[in-house]
Amino acid sequence: MTAYSTAVRALHLVTNAAWFGGSLMGAVGLNPASREGDTAKERSEIADAGWTKWGPVQGAAIGLHLLSGLAIVADNRRRTLTHPPTTAAVVLKTTLTGAALAASGAAYLQGAKLGEAAEQAELNPHARRQAQELSQRMRWLQWATPVTTGGLLVLDAYLGEQQRGVAGLLDRPTSLLRRK
């Protein structure tokens, strides 16, 4: 394995970790914390402030994750095409990446709509109903990104295990097996 391959794989894992960790922090920490505001407008502003600060980092992580993923597939093109377990994992990983992108995009768009509706909810009954509907949708949608990006981390572990030698750190040495 070359230094280039190692650097690209590290970038791929670190950017996925940022994507996963940021979305998980939002679902577990930021979104529930924003409910501490006194008014719908205040709650919306709290969530919006956090996501606005995190958004550029998340966007860069996603972009670099996609680019490094393409570089990894190009670097491993022979293995990807000729080793059926790798081919299946890469197809699944590509599908899961698409789902993570869709979930992230949908959460971003729904969150923006929710923020607008929440700000108007105090004065407009229609906006209040819309905010309630969007809030219910966001309850499950906010978990879609950490679930899908977590799945990507699991697939990366699987693909890494495919490349290691027969004996791992916790495996018993073969010389001990022959003595018995």
N, C-alpha and C. Protein backbone atom coordinates (compact mmCIF):
# COMPACT_ATOMS: atom_id res chain seq x y z
N MET A 1 0.85 -1.17 0.00
CA MET A 1 0.00 0.00 0.00
C MET A 1 0.90 1.24 0.00
N THR A 2 0.58 2.18 -0.85
CA THR A 2 1.39 3.38 -0.97
C THR A 2 0.95 4.44 0.04
N ALA A 3 1.80 5.45 0.20
CA ALA A 3 1.45 6.56 1.08
C ALA A 3 0.23 7.28 0.55
N TYR A 4 0.10 7.36 -0.77
CA TYR A 4 -1.07 7.99 -1.37
C TYR A 4 -2.34 7.24 -0.98
N SER A 5 -2.30 5.92 -1.11
CA SER A 5 -3.47 5.10 -0.77
C SER A 5 -3.84 5.27 0.70
N THR A 6 -2.84 5.28 1.56
CA THR A 6 -3.10 5.45 2.99
C THR A 6 -3.71 6.81 3.27
N ALA A 7 -3.18 7.85 2.64
CA ALA A 7 -3.71 9.21 2.85
C ALA A 7 -5.15 9.32 2.36
N VAL A 8 -5.44 8.74 1.22
CA VAL A 8 -6.80 8.80 0.67
C VAL A 8 -7.76 8.02 1.55
N ARG A 9 -7.36 6.84 2.01
CA ARG A 9 -8.22 6.05 2.90
C ARG A 9 -8.46 6.78 4.23
N ALA A 10 -7.41 7.39 4.77
CA ALA A 10 -7.56 8.13 6.02
C ALA A 10 -8.52 9.31 5.82
N LEU A 11 -8.36 10.03 4.73
CA LEU A 11 -9.27 11.15 4.43
C LEU A 11 -10.70 10.65 4.30
N HIS A 12 -10.88 9.52 3.65
CA HIS A 12 -12.21 8.94 3.46
C HIS A 12 -12.86 8.59 4.80
N LEU A 13 -12.09 7.99 5.68
CA LEU A 13 -12.62 7.61 6.99
C LEU A 13 -12.87 8.82 7.88
N VAL A 14 -11.95 9.77 7.89
CA VAL A 14 -12.11 10.95 8.74
C VAL A 14 -13.30 11.78 8.29
N THR A 15 -13.48 11.94 6.98
CA THR A 15 -14.62 12.73 6.49
C THR A 15 -15.94 12.01 6.77
N ASN A 16 -15.96 10.69 6.69
CA ASN A 16 -17.18 9.97 7.05
C ASN A 16 -17.45 10.09 8.54
N ALA A 17 -16.39 10.06 9.33
CA ALA A 17 -16.56 10.22 10.78
C ALA A 17 -17.14 11.60 11.10
N ALA A 18 -16.68 12.63 10.39
CA ALA A 18 -17.23 13.98 10.60
C ALA A 18 -18.70 14.04 10.18
N TRP A 19 -19.02 13.44 9.06
CA TRP A 19 -20.40 13.41 8.56
C TRP A 19 -21.29 12.67 9.56
N PHE A 20 -20.84 11.51 9.99
CA PHE A 20 -21.58 10.71 10.96
C PHE A 20 -21.69 11.44 12.30
N GLY A 21 -20.56 11.89 12.82
CA GLY A 21 -20.54 12.51 14.14
C GLY A 21 -21.33 13.80 14.20
N GLY A 22 -21.24 14.61 13.16
CA GLY A 22 -22.00 15.86 13.15
C GLY A 22 -23.50 15.62 13.12
N SER A 23 -23.91 14.66 12.31
CA SER A 23 -25.34 14.38 12.23
C SER A 23 -25.85 13.71 13.51
N LEU A 24 -25.03 12.87 14.11
CA LEU A 24 -25.41 12.24 15.38
C LEU A 24 -25.49 13.29 16.49
N MET A 25 -24.53 14.21 16.52
CA MET A 25 -24.56 15.27 17.53
C MET A 25 -25.81 16.13 17.35
N GLY A 26 -26.20 16.37 16.10
CA GLY A 26 -27.41 17.15 15.87
C GLY A 26 -28.65 16.44 16.39
N ALA A 27 -28.74 15.14 16.11
CA ALA A 27 -29.91 14.38 16.54
C ALA A 27 -29.96 14.20 18.05
N VAL A 28 -28.81 14.00 18.67
CA VAL A 28 -28.75 13.72 20.11
C VAL A 28 -28.65 14.99 20.95
N GLY A 29 -27.92 15.97 20.44
CA GLY A 29 -27.62 17.14 21.25
C GLY A 29 -28.27 18.44 20.81
N LEU A 30 -27.96 18.88 19.62
CA LEU A 30 -28.39 20.21 19.18
C LEU A 30 -29.91 20.33 19.05
N ASN A 31 -30.52 19.41 18.33
CA ASN A 31 -31.97 19.51 18.14
C ASN A 31 -32.74 19.44 19.46
N PRO A 32 -32.43 18.48 20.35
CA PRO A 32 -33.11 18.50 21.65
C PRO A 32 -32.80 19.76 22.47
N ALA A 33 -31.56 20.24 22.41
CA ALA A 33 -31.21 21.45 23.16
C ALA A 33 -31.97 22.67 22.66
N SER A 34 -32.26 22.70 21.38
CA SER A 34 -32.98 23.85 20.82
C SER A 34 -34.40 23.93 21.36
N ARG A 35 -34.92 22.82 21.85
CA ARG A 35 -36.28 22.81 22.41
C ARG A 35 -36.35 23.54 23.75
N GLU A 36 -35.21 23.94 24.28
CA GLU A 36 -35.16 24.65 25.55
C GLU A 36 -35.55 26.12 25.40
N GLY A 37 -35.63 26.61 24.17
CA GLY A 37 -36.02 28.00 23.96
C GLY A 37 -37.44 28.25 24.43
N ASP A 38 -37.74 29.50 24.76
CA ASP A 38 -39.05 29.86 25.30
C ASP A 38 -40.13 29.95 24.23
N THR A 39 -39.77 30.40 23.03
CA THR A 39 -40.76 30.56 21.96
C THR A 39 -40.34 29.72 20.76
N ALA A 40 -41.28 29.50 19.86
CA ALA A 40 -40.98 28.75 18.65
C ALA A 40 -39.88 29.45 17.85
N LYS A 41 -39.94 30.76 17.80
CA LYS A 41 -38.93 31.52 17.07
C LYS A 41 -37.56 31.34 17.71
N GLU A 42 -37.50 31.40 19.03
CA GLU A 42 -36.23 31.23 19.73
C GLU A 42 -35.67 29.82 19.53
N ARG A 43 -36.54 28.81 19.59
CA ARG A 43 -36.10 27.43 19.38
C ARG A 43 -35.54 27.26 17.97
N SER A 44 -36.21 27.86 17.01
CA SER A 44 -35.76 27.79 15.62
C SER A 44 -34.41 28.48 15.45
N GLU A 45 -34.24 29.62 16.11
CA GLU A 45 -32.98 30.37 15.99
C GLU A 45 -31.81 29.60 16.61
N ILE A 46 -32.06 28.90 17.71
CA ILE A 46 -31.01 28.11 18.35
C ILE A 46 -30.54 26.99 17.42
N ALA A 47 -31.50 26.23 16.89
CA ALA A 47 -31.14 25.14 15.98
C ALA A 47 -30.47 25.68 14.73
N ASP A 48 -31.01 26.76 14.18
CA ASP A 48 -30.45 27.35 12.97
C ASP A 48 -29.02 27.82 13.19
N ALA A 49 -28.75 28.43 14.33
CA ALA A 49 -27.39 28.92 14.61
C ALA A 49 -26.39 27.76 14.65
N GLY A 50 -26.76 26.67 15.31
CA GLY A 50 -25.86 25.52 15.38
C GLY A 50 -25.62 24.89 14.02
N TRP A 51 -26.69 24.66 13.27
CA TRP A 51 -26.54 24.03 11.96
C TRP A 51 -25.85 24.96 10.96
N THR A 52 -26.04 26.27 11.09
CA THR A 52 -25.37 27.21 10.19
C THR A 52 -23.86 27.17 10.42
N LYS A 53 -23.44 27.05 11.67
CA LYS A 53 -22.00 26.96 11.96
C LYS A 53 -21.42 25.62 11.50
N TRP A 54 -22.18 24.55 11.63
CA TRP A 54 -21.68 23.23 11.27
C TRP A 54 -21.79 22.97 9.76
N GLY A 55 -22.72 23.61 9.09
CA GLY A 55 -22.99 23.34 7.68
C GLY A 55 -21.77 23.34 6.77
N PRO A 56 -20.91 24.36 6.80
CA PRO A 56 -19.74 24.34 5.92
C PRO A 56 -18.78 23.18 6.20
N VAL A 57 -18.64 22.83 7.47
CA VAL A 57 -17.78 21.69 7.82
C VAL A 57 -18.39 20.40 7.27
N GLN A 58 -19.68 20.25 7.48
CA GLN A 58 -20.39 19.06 6.99
C GLN A 58 -20.31 18.99 5.47
N GLY A 59 -20.53 20.11 4.80
CA GLY A 59 -20.47 20.13 3.34
C GLY A 59 -19.09 19.76 2.82
N ALA A 60 -18.04 20.31 3.44
CA ALA A 60 -16.67 19.96 3.04
C ALA A 60 -16.39 18.49 3.29
N ALA A 61 -16.84 17.98 4.44
CA ALA A 61 -16.63 16.56 4.76
C ALA A 61 -17.32 15.67 3.72
N ILE A 62 -18.53 16.01 3.36
CA ILE A 62 -19.26 15.20 2.38
C ILE A 62 -18.55 15.24 1.02
N GLY A 63 -18.17 16.44 0.59
CA GLY A 63 -17.49 16.57 -0.70
C GLY A 63 -16.18 15.79 -0.74
N LEU A 64 -15.37 15.94 0.29
CA LEU A 64 -14.09 15.21 0.34
C LEU A 64 -14.30 13.72 0.49
N HIS A 65 -15.37 13.32 1.19
CA HIS A 65 -15.68 11.90 1.33
C HIS A 65 -16.00 11.30 -0.05
N LEU A 66 -16.79 12.01 -0.83
CA LEU A 66 -17.14 11.52 -2.16
C LEU A 66 -15.91 11.44 -3.07
N LEU A 67 -15.09 12.49 -3.05
CA LEU A 67 -13.88 12.49 -3.89
C LEU A 67 -12.91 11.39 -3.48
N SER A 68 -12.70 11.22 -2.19
CA SER A 68 -11.78 10.17 -1.74
C SER A 68 -12.34 8.78 -2.03
N GLY A 69 -13.67 8.64 -1.98
CA GLY A 69 -14.28 7.36 -2.34
C GLY A 69 -14.03 7.00 -3.79
N LEU A 70 -14.15 7.99 -4.67
CA LEU A 70 -13.85 7.75 -6.09
C LEU A 70 -12.38 7.36 -6.27
N ALA A 71 -11.49 8.03 -5.54
CA ALA A 71 -10.06 7.71 -5.64
C ALA A 71 -9.78 6.29 -5.15
N ILE A 72 -10.46 5.87 -4.09
CA ILE A 72 -10.26 4.51 -3.57
C ILE A 72 -10.75 3.47 -4.58
N VAL A 73 -11.91 3.71 -5.17
CA VAL A 73 -12.42 2.76 -6.18
C VAL A 73 -11.47 2.71 -7.38
N ALA A 74 -10.96 3.86 -7.81
CA ALA A 74 -10.01 3.87 -8.93
C ALA A 74 -8.74 3.12 -8.57
N ASP A 75 -8.25 3.31 -7.35
CA ASP A 75 -7.03 2.64 -6.89
C ASP A 75 -7.23 1.13 -6.78
N ASN A 76 -8.45 0.70 -6.46
CA ASN A 76 -8.75 -0.73 -6.28
C ASN A 76 -9.63 -1.29 -7.39
N ARG A 77 -9.57 -0.71 -8.56
CA ARG A 77 -10.51 -1.09 -9.63
C ARG A 77 -10.44 -2.58 -9.98
N ARG A 78 -9.25 -3.16 -10.01
CA ARG A 78 -9.15 -4.59 -10.36
C ARG A 78 -9.84 -5.45 -9.30
N ARG A 79 -9.54 -5.17 -8.04
CA ARG A 79 -10.16 -5.93 -6.94
C ARG A 79 -11.67 -5.72 -6.92
N THR A 80 -12.09 -4.50 -7.18
CA THR A 80 -13.52 -4.19 -7.18
C THR A 80 -14.24 -4.96 -8.28
N LEU A 81 -13.61 -5.12 -9.42
CA LEU A 81 -14.25 -5.79 -10.55
C LEU A 81 -14.13 -7.31 -10.50
N THR A 82 -13.07 -7.84 -9.88
CA THR A 82 -12.83 -9.29 -9.97
C THR A 82 -13.11 -10.06 -8.69
N HIS A 83 -13.27 -9.39 -7.56
CA HIS A 83 -13.50 -10.08 -6.29
C HIS A 83 -14.96 -9.88 -5.89
N PRO A 84 -15.81 -10.89 -6.07
CA PRO A 84 -17.25 -10.72 -5.84
C PRO A 84 -17.64 -10.14 -4.48
N PRO A 85 -17.03 -10.54 -3.36
CA PRO A 85 -17.43 -9.92 -2.09
C PRO A 85 -17.12 -8.40 -2.07
N THR A 86 -16.01 -8.03 -2.68
CA THR A 86 -15.66 -6.60 -2.75
C THR A 86 -16.64 -5.87 -3.66
N THR A 87 -16.96 -6.47 -4.79
CA THR A 87 -17.91 -5.86 -5.71
C THR A 87 -19.24 -5.61 -5.01
N ALA A 88 -19.72 -6.61 -4.30
CA ALA A 88 -21.00 -6.48 -3.60
C ALA A 88 -20.93 -5.38 -2.53
N ALA A 89 -19.82 -5.34 -1.78
CA ALA A 89 -19.68 -4.32 -0.74
C ALA A 89 -19.60 -2.93 -1.34
N VAL A 90 -18.91 -2.78 -2.46
CA VAL A 90 -18.79 -1.46 -3.11
C VAL A 90 -20.15 -1.01 -3.66
N VAL A 91 -20.91 -1.94 -4.23
CA VAL A 91 -22.26 -1.59 -4.71
C VAL A 91 -23.14 -1.17 -3.53
N LEU A 92 -23.10 -1.94 -2.45
CA LEU A 92 -23.88 -1.59 -1.26
C LEU A 92 -23.43 -0.26 -0.68
N LYS A 93 -22.11 -0.04 -0.64
CA LYS A 93 -21.58 1.21 -0.09
C LYS A 93 -21.99 2.40 -0.96
N THR A 94 -21.99 2.23 -2.27
CA THR A 94 -22.42 3.30 -3.16
C THR A 94 -23.89 3.61 -2.96
N THR A 95 -24.70 2.58 -2.82
CA THR A 95 -26.14 2.76 -2.58
C THR A 95 -26.37 3.46 -1.24
N LEU A 96 -25.66 3.03 -0.22
CA LEU A 96 -25.79 3.63 1.11
C LEU A 96 -25.30 5.08 1.12
N THR A 97 -24.26 5.36 0.35
CA THR A 97 -23.77 6.75 0.23
C THR A 97 -24.84 7.62 -0.42
N GLY A 98 -25.49 7.10 -1.45
CA GLY A 98 -26.59 7.84 -2.08
C GLY A 98 -27.72 8.09 -1.09
N ALA A 99 -28.03 7.08 -0.28
CA ALA A 99 -29.08 7.25 0.73
C ALA A 99 -28.67 8.29 1.78
N ALA A 100 -27.40 8.28 2.18
CA ALA A 100 -26.91 9.26 3.15
C ALA A 100 -26.96 10.67 2.57
N LEU A 101 -26.60 10.81 1.30
CA LEU A 101 -26.70 12.12 0.63
C LEU A 101 -28.15 12.59 0.58
N ALA A 102 -29.04 11.68 0.20
CA ALA A 102 -30.46 12.03 0.13
C ALA A 102 -31.00 12.41 1.51
N ALA A 103 -30.61 11.66 2.53
CA ALA A 103 -31.06 11.95 3.90
C ALA A 103 -30.52 13.30 4.37
N SER A 104 -29.26 13.56 4.10
CA SER A 104 -28.66 14.85 4.50
C SER A 104 -29.33 16.01 3.79
N GLY A 105 -29.55 15.85 2.49
CA GLY A 105 -30.21 16.90 1.72
C GLY A 105 -31.64 17.14 2.16
N ALA A 106 -32.35 16.05 2.39
CA ALA A 106 -33.74 16.17 2.84
C ALA A 106 -33.82 16.82 4.22
N ALA A 107 -32.92 16.43 5.11
CA ALA A 107 -32.92 17.02 6.45
C ALA A 107 -32.60 18.51 6.37
N TYR A 108 -31.68 18.89 5.51
CA TYR A 108 -31.34 20.30 5.34
C TYR A 108 -32.55 21.09 4.84
N LEU A 109 -33.20 20.58 3.79
CA LEU A 109 -34.37 21.28 3.22
C LEU A 109 -35.54 21.32 4.20
N GLN A 110 -35.81 20.19 4.85
CA GLN A 110 -36.92 20.14 5.81
C GLN A 110 -36.62 21.03 7.02
N GLY A 111 -35.36 21.06 7.44
CA GLY A 111 -34.98 21.91 8.57
C GLY A 111 -35.17 23.38 8.24
N ALA A 112 -34.83 23.77 7.02
CA ALA A 112 -35.02 25.17 6.61
C ALA A 112 -36.51 25.52 6.59
N LYS A 113 -37.32 24.61 6.03
CA LYS A 113 -38.77 24.85 6.00
C LYS A 113 -39.34 24.91 7.42
N LEU A 114 -38.86 24.01 8.27
CA LEU A 114 -39.33 23.99 9.65
C LEU A 114 -38.98 25.30 10.36
N GLY A 115 -37.78 25.79 10.13
CA GLY A 115 -37.38 27.05 10.75
C GLY A 115 -38.28 28.21 10.32
N GLU A 116 -38.58 28.27 9.03
CA GLU A 116 -39.46 29.33 8.54
C GLU A 116 -40.87 29.20 9.13
N ALA A 117 -41.39 27.98 9.13
CA ALA A 117 -42.74 27.76 9.65
C ALA A 117 -42.79 28.04 11.16
N ALA A 118 -41.74 27.64 11.88
CA ALA A 118 -41.72 27.86 13.34
C ALA A 118 -41.70 29.34 13.67
N GLU A 119 -40.98 30.13 12.87
CA GLU A 119 -40.93 31.57 13.12
C GLU A 119 -42.28 32.24 12.91
N GLN A 120 -43.07 31.69 12.00
CA GLN A 120 -44.38 32.29 11.69
C GLN A 120 -45.51 31.63 12.49
N ALA A 121 -45.21 30.58 13.21
CA ALA A 121 -46.24 29.79 13.88
C ALA A 121 -47.03 30.56 14.92
N GLU A 122 -46.40 31.51 15.56
CA GLU A 122 -47.09 32.26 16.62
C GLU A 122 -48.21 33.14 16.06
N LEU A 123 -48.08 33.56 14.81
CA LEU A 123 -49.05 34.48 14.22
C LEU A 123 -49.99 33.82 13.21
N ASN A 124 -49.58 32.67 12.70
CA ASN A 124 -50.30 32.07 11.59
C ASN A 124 -50.67 30.61 11.92
N PRO A 125 -51.97 30.30 12.04
CA PRO A 125 -52.37 28.91 12.36
C PRO A 125 -51.94 27.90 11.30
N HIS A 126 -51.96 28.30 10.03
CA HIS A 126 -51.52 27.40 8.96
C HIS A 126 -50.03 27.07 9.13
N ALA A 127 -49.22 28.08 9.44
CA ALA A 127 -47.79 27.87 9.66
C ALA A 127 -47.57 26.99 10.89
N ARG A 128 -48.42 27.12 11.90
CA ARG A 128 -48.30 26.30 13.11
C ARG A 128 -48.53 24.82 12.76
N ARG A 129 -49.57 24.54 11.95
CA ARG A 129 -49.83 23.16 11.53
C ARG A 129 -48.68 22.64 10.67
N GLN A 130 -48.19 23.48 9.77
CA GLN A 130 -47.07 23.08 8.91
C GLN A 130 -45.84 22.78 9.77
N ALA A 131 -45.58 23.61 10.77
CA ALA A 131 -44.43 23.39 11.65
C ALA A 131 -44.57 22.07 12.40
N GLN A 132 -45.78 21.74 12.84
CA GLN A 132 -46.00 20.48 13.54
C GLN A 132 -45.75 19.29 12.62
N GLU A 133 -46.23 19.38 11.38
CA GLU A 133 -46.03 18.30 10.41
C GLU A 133 -44.55 18.13 10.08
N LEU A 134 -43.87 19.24 9.85
CA LEU A 134 -42.45 19.19 9.53
C LEU A 134 -41.64 18.67 10.72
N SER A 135 -42.04 19.05 11.91
CA SER A 135 -41.36 18.58 13.12
C SER A 135 -41.49 17.08 13.27
N GLN A 136 -42.66 16.54 12.99
CA GLN A 136 -42.85 15.09 13.05
C GLN A 136 -41.99 14.38 12.02
N ARG A 137 -41.92 14.92 10.81
CA ARG A 137 -41.09 14.34 9.75
C ARG A 137 -39.61 14.39 10.14
N MET A 138 -39.20 15.50 10.76
CA MET A 138 -37.80 15.66 11.15
C MET A 138 -37.40 14.71 12.28
N ARG A 139 -38.36 14.28 13.09
CA ARG A 139 -38.04 13.37 14.19
C ARG A 139 -37.39 12.08 13.68
N TRP A 140 -37.87 11.56 12.56
CA TRP A 140 -37.25 10.35 12.02
C TRP A 140 -36.17 10.69 11.01
N LEU A 141 -36.34 11.78 10.28
CA LEU A 141 -35.38 12.15 9.25
C LEU A 141 -34.02 12.50 9.86
N GLN A 142 -34.00 13.10 11.05
CA GLN A 142 -32.73 13.47 11.67
C GLN A 142 -31.87 12.26 12.00
N TRP A 143 -32.49 11.08 12.08
CA TRP A 143 -31.73 9.86 12.37
C TRP A 143 -31.28 9.14 11.11
N ALA A 144 -31.82 9.49 9.96
CA ALA A 144 -31.47 8.80 8.72
C ALA A 144 -30.00 8.98 8.35
N THR A 145 -29.45 10.17 8.55
CA THR A 145 -28.05 10.40 8.19
C THR A 145 -27.09 9.64 9.11
N PRO A 146 -27.23 9.71 10.43
CA PRO A 146 -26.29 8.92 11.25
C PRO A 146 -26.43 7.41 11.03
N VAL A 147 -27.62 6.93 10.74
CA VAL A 147 -27.79 5.50 10.49
C VAL A 147 -27.07 5.10 9.20
N THR A 148 -27.27 5.88 8.13
CA THR A 148 -26.65 5.51 6.84
C THR A 148 -25.13 5.71 6.88
N THR A 149 -24.66 6.81 7.47
CA THR A 149 -23.21 7.02 7.52
C THR A 149 -22.56 6.03 8.50
N GLY A 150 -23.27 5.62 9.53
CA GLY A 150 -22.76 4.56 10.41
C GLY A 150 -22.63 3.25 9.65
N GLY A 151 -23.60 2.98 8.78
CA GLY A 151 -23.50 1.79 7.92
C GLY A 151 -22.28 1.85 7.00
N LEU A 152 -21.95 3.05 6.54
CA LEU A 152 -20.75 3.20 5.70
C LEU A 152 -19.49 2.87 6.50
N LEU A 153 -19.46 3.27 7.76
CA LEU A 153 -18.30 2.94 8.60
C LEU A 153 -18.17 1.43 8.78
N VAL A 154 -19.30 0.76 8.95
CA VAL A 154 -19.28 -0.71 9.08
C VAL A 154 -18.77 -1.34 7.79
N LEU A 155 -19.22 -0.85 6.65
CA LEU A 155 -18.75 -1.41 5.38
C LEU A 155 -17.26 -1.14 5.17
N ASP A 156 -16.77 0.01 5.62
CA ASP A 156 -15.34 0.28 5.53
C ASP A 156 -14.55 -0.71 6.38
N ALA A 157 -15.07 -1.04 7.55
CA ALA A 157 -14.40 -2.05 8.39
C ALA A 157 -14.40 -3.40 7.69
N TYR A 158 -15.51 -3.75 7.07
CA TYR A 158 -15.61 -5.02 6.33
C TYR A 158 -14.59 -5.06 5.19
N LEU A 159 -14.53 -3.98 4.42
CA LEU A 159 -13.59 -3.93 3.30
C LEU A 159 -12.14 -3.97 3.79
N GLY A 160 -11.86 -3.34 4.91
CA GLY A 160 -10.51 -3.39 5.47
C GLY A 160 -10.14 -4.79 5.92
N GLU A 161 -11.09 -5.51 6.49
CA GLU A 161 -10.84 -6.89 6.91
C GLU A 161 -10.56 -7.79 5.71
N GLN A 162 -11.14 -7.50 4.57
CA GLN A 162 -10.89 -8.31 3.38
C GLN A 162 -9.45 -8.19 2.91
N GLN A 163 -8.79 -7.09 3.24
CA GLN A 163 -7.44 -6.87 2.74
C GLN A 163 -6.35 -7.36 3.67
N ARG A 164 -6.68 -7.70 4.89
CA ARG A 164 -5.62 -8.10 5.80
C ARG A 164 -5.23 -9.55 5.55
N GLY A 165 -4.08 -9.92 6.10
CA GLY A 165 -3.59 -11.29 5.96
C GLY A 165 -4.44 -12.27 6.74
N VAL A 166 -4.07 -13.52 6.68
CA VAL A 166 -4.84 -14.57 7.32
C VAL A 166 -4.87 -14.41 8.83
N ALA A 167 -3.71 -14.18 9.47
CA ALA A 167 -3.65 -14.09 10.92
C ALA A 167 -3.78 -12.64 11.36
N GLY A 168 -4.70 -12.39 12.25
CA GLY A 168 -4.86 -11.06 12.83
C GLY A 168 -4.24 -10.99 14.20
N LEU A 169 -4.28 -9.86 14.81
CA LEU A 169 -3.68 -9.64 16.12
C LEU A 169 -4.23 -10.61 17.17
N LEU A 170 -5.52 -10.89 17.11
CA LEU A 170 -6.15 -11.75 18.12
C LEU A 170 -6.21 -13.22 17.70
N ASP A 171 -5.74 -13.52 16.49
CA ASP A 171 -5.74 -14.91 16.04
C ASP A 171 -4.60 -15.67 16.71
N ARG A 172 -4.82 -16.95 16.90
CA ARG A 172 -3.77 -17.79 17.47
C ARG A 172 -2.74 -18.08 16.39
N PRO A 173 -1.47 -18.01 16.72
CA PRO A 173 -0.44 -18.34 15.73
C PRO A 173 -0.60 -19.78 15.26
N THR A 174 -0.31 -20.04 14.00
CA THR A 174 -0.49 -21.38 13.45
C THR A 174 0.49 -22.38 14.08
N SER A 175 1.64 -21.93 14.56
CA SER A 175 2.59 -22.86 15.19
C SER A 175 2.01 -23.49 16.46
N LEU A 176 1.17 -22.76 17.18
CA LEU A 176 0.54 -23.31 18.38
C LEU A 176 -0.51 -24.35 18.01
N LEU A 177 -1.16 -24.16 16.87
CA LEU A 177 -2.18 -25.10 16.45
C LEU A 177 -1.54 -26.45 16.07
N ARG A 178 -0.33 -26.44 15.51
CA ARG A 178 0.31 -27.68 15.08
C ARG A 178 0.79 -28.52 16.26
N ARG A 179 1.07 -27.91 17.39
CA ARG A 179 1.57 -28.65 18.55
C ARG A 179 0.50 -29.51 19.19
N LYS A 180 -0.74 -29.21 19.01
CA LYS A 180 -1.80 -29.94 19.69
C LYS A 180 -2.17 -31.19 19.00
